[in-house]
Amino acid sequence: MNINPMALLKYRERLEIFHSEHPRIEPFFHLIREQTLIEGTVYEMKATTPDGKEFVANIKLTANDIETIRMLSSEQQKKAE
């Protein structure tokens, strides 16, 4: 798989903008990763459009989900170092 270094720079810039505009989201994700990564935990997401339409989805964590999240987290930590 070829990785375009310029695309990576753009992604990094966009992530920095996202983090500056939403500073509470990263600590929230760290908190839920540390305290809720337990089989059977239900994660629910809700989106509300400006005109009031709501969309809701949820998942109940399985052992496979937890393994995937941990793998992605460890890869993310390696990239940060």
C-alpha atoms as a PDB file:
ATOM      1  CA  MET A   1       0.000   0.000   0.000  1.00  0.00           C
ATOM      2  CA  ASN A   2       1.424   3.360  -1.035  1.00  0.00           C
ATOM      3  CA  ILE A   3       1.067   6.209   1.427  1.00  0.00           C
ATOM      4  CA  ASN A   4       1.082   9.728   0.098  1.00  0.00           C
ATOM      5  CA  PRO A   5       3.099  11.901   2.509  1.00  0.00           C
ATOM      6  CA  MET A   6       1.255  15.051   1.392  1.00  0.00           C
ATOM      7  CA  ALA A   7      -2.096  13.409   2.151  1.00  0.00           C
ATOM      8  CA  LEU A   8      -0.828  12.471   5.608  1.00  0.00           C
ATOM      9  CA  LEU A   9       0.158  16.092   6.247  1.00  0.00           C
ATOM     10  CA  LYS A  10      -3.314  17.240   5.211  1.00  0.00           C
ATOM     11  CA  TYR A  11      -4.937  14.685   7.542  1.00  0.00           C
ATOM     12  CA  ARG A  12      -2.722  15.812  10.382  1.00  0.00           C
ATOM     13  CA  GLU A  13      -3.602  19.455   9.764  1.00  0.00           C
ATOM     14  CA  ARG A  14      -7.315  18.632   9.697  1.00  0.00           C
ATOM     15  CA  LEU A  15      -7.020  16.661  12.946  1.00  0.00           C
ATOM     16  CA  GLU A  16      -5.251  19.585  14.607  1.00  0.00           C
ATOM     17  CA  ILE A  17      -8.076  21.906  13.508  1.00  0.00           C
ATOM     18  CA  PHE A  18     -10.673  19.424  14.766  1.00  0.00           C
ATOM     19  CA  HIS A  19      -8.929  19.143  18.137  1.00  0.00           C
ATOM     20  CA  SER A  20      -8.653  22.922  18.497  1.00  0.00           C
ATOM     21  CA  GLU A  21     -12.353  23.385  17.698  1.00  0.00           C
ATOM     22  CA  HIS A  22     -13.474  20.498  19.930  1.00  0.00           C
ATOM     23  CA  PRO A  23     -10.967  20.323  22.817  1.00  0.00           C
ATOM     24  CA  ARG A  24     -13.150  18.140  25.064  1.00  0.00           C
ATOM     25  CA  ILE A  25     -13.536  15.247  22.616  1.00  0.00           C
ATOM     26  CA  GLU A  26     -10.067  13.723  23.008  1.00  0.00           C
ATOM     27  CA  PRO A  27     -10.215  13.554  26.831  1.00  0.00           C
ATOM     28  CA  PHE A  28     -13.703  12.039  26.493  1.00  0.00           C
ATOM     29  CA  PHE A  29     -12.435   9.305  24.171  1.00  0.00           C
ATOM     30  CA  HIS A  30      -9.533   8.563  26.527  1.00  0.00           C
ATOM     31  CA  LEU A  31     -11.953   8.316  29.446  1.00  0.00           C
ATOM     32  CA  ILE A  32     -14.323   5.925  27.724  1.00  0.00           C
ATOM     33  CA  ARG A  33     -11.460   3.827  26.385  1.00  0.00           C
ATOM     34  CA  GLU A  34     -10.004   3.461  29.882  1.00  0.00           C
ATOM     35  CA  GLN A  35     -13.242   2.903  31.798  1.00  0.00           C
ATOM     36  CA  THR A  36     -15.740   1.287  29.420  1.00  0.00           C
ATOM     37  CA  LEU A  37     -13.790  -1.195  27.330  1.00  0.00           C
ATOM     38  CA  ILE A  38     -15.713  -4.096  28.859  1.00  0.00           C
ATOM     39  CA  GLU A  39     -17.627  -6.782  27.004  1.00  0.00           C
ATOM     40  CA  GLY A  40     -21.333  -5.951  27.092  1.00  0.00           C
ATOM     41  CA  THR A  41     -20.875  -2.169  27.280  1.00  0.00           C
ATOM     42  CA  VAL A  42     -23.266  -0.383  24.919  1.00  0.00           C
ATOM     43  CA  TYR A  43     -21.975   2.567  22.918  1.00  0.00           C
ATOM     44  CA  GLU A  44     -24.649   4.817  21.477  1.00  0.00           C
ATOM     45  CA  MET A  45     -24.270   7.670  19.037  1.00  0.00           C
ATOM     46  CA  LYS A  46     -26.878  10.277  18.216  1.00  0.00           C
ATOM     47  CA  ALA A  47     -26.808  12.925  15.514  1.00  0.00           C
ATOM     48  CA  THR A  48     -29.308  15.756  15.291  1.00  0.00           C
ATOM     49  CA  THR A  49     -29.462  17.875  12.149  1.00  0.00           C
ATOM     50  CA  PRO A  50     -30.178  21.618  12.313  1.00  0.00           C
ATOM     51  CA  ASP A  51     -33.772  20.921  11.248  1.00  0.00           C
ATOM     52  CA  GLY A  52     -34.287  18.485  14.134  1.00  0.00           C
ATOM     53  CA  LYS A  53     -33.958  15.092  12.412  1.00  0.00           C
ATOM     54  CA  GLU A  54     -32.386  12.538  14.729  1.00  0.00           C
ATOM     55  CA  PHE A  55     -30.317   9.507  13.866  1.00  0.00           C
ATOM     56  CA  VAL A  56     -29.321   6.988  16.537  1.00  0.00           C
ATOM     57  CA  ALA A  57     -27.154   3.889  16.403  1.00  0.00           C
ATOM     58  CA  ASN A  58     -25.620   1.686  19.062  1.00  0.00           C
ATOM     59  CA  ILE A  59     -23.399  -1.334  19.445  1.00  0.00           C
ATOM     60  CA  LYS A  60     -22.887  -3.737  22.303  1.00  0.00           C
ATOM     61  CA  LEU A  61     -19.180  -4.486  22.660  1.00  0.00           C
ATOM     62  CA  THR A  62     -18.048  -8.019  21.997  1.00  0.00           C
ATOM     63  CA  ALA A  63     -14.667  -9.564  22.720  1.00  0.00           C
ATOM     64  CA  ASN A  64     -13.795  -9.082  19.028  1.00  0.00           C
ATOM     65  CA  ASP A  65     -14.690  -5.375  19.209  1.00  0.00           C
ATOM     66  CA  ILE A  66     -12.460  -4.915  22.235  1.00  0.00           C
ATOM     67  CA  GLU A  67      -9.557  -6.683  20.542  1.00  0.00           C
ATOM     68  CA  THR A  68      -9.958  -4.449  17.467  1.00  0.00           C
ATOM     69  CA  ILE A  69     -10.103  -1.262  19.553  1.00  0.00           C
ATOM     70  CA  ARG A  70      -6.995  -2.279  21.495  1.00  0.00           C
ATOM     71  CA  MET A  71      -5.126  -3.085  18.278  1.00  0.00           C
ATOM     72  CA  LEU A  72      -6.038   0.288  16.778  1.00  0.00           C
ATOM     73  CA  SER A  73      -5.102   2.076  20.006  1.00  0.00           C
ATOM     74  CA  SER A  74      -1.697   0.417  20.155  1.00  0.00           C
ATOM     75  CA  GLU A  75      -1.052   1.302  16.494  1.00  0.00           C
ATOM     76  CA  GLN A  76      -2.062   4.901  17.208  1.00  0.00           C
ATOM     77  CA  GLN A  77       0.297   5.036  20.181  1.00  0.00           C
ATOM     78  CA  LYS A  78       3.165   3.691  18.061  1.00  0.00           C
ATOM     79  CA  LYS A  79       2.569   6.414  15.470  1.00  0.00           C
ATOM     80  CA  ALA A  80       2.527   9.099  18.164  1.00  0.00           C
ATOM     81  CA  GLU A  81       5.952   8.062  19.474  1.00  0.00           C
END
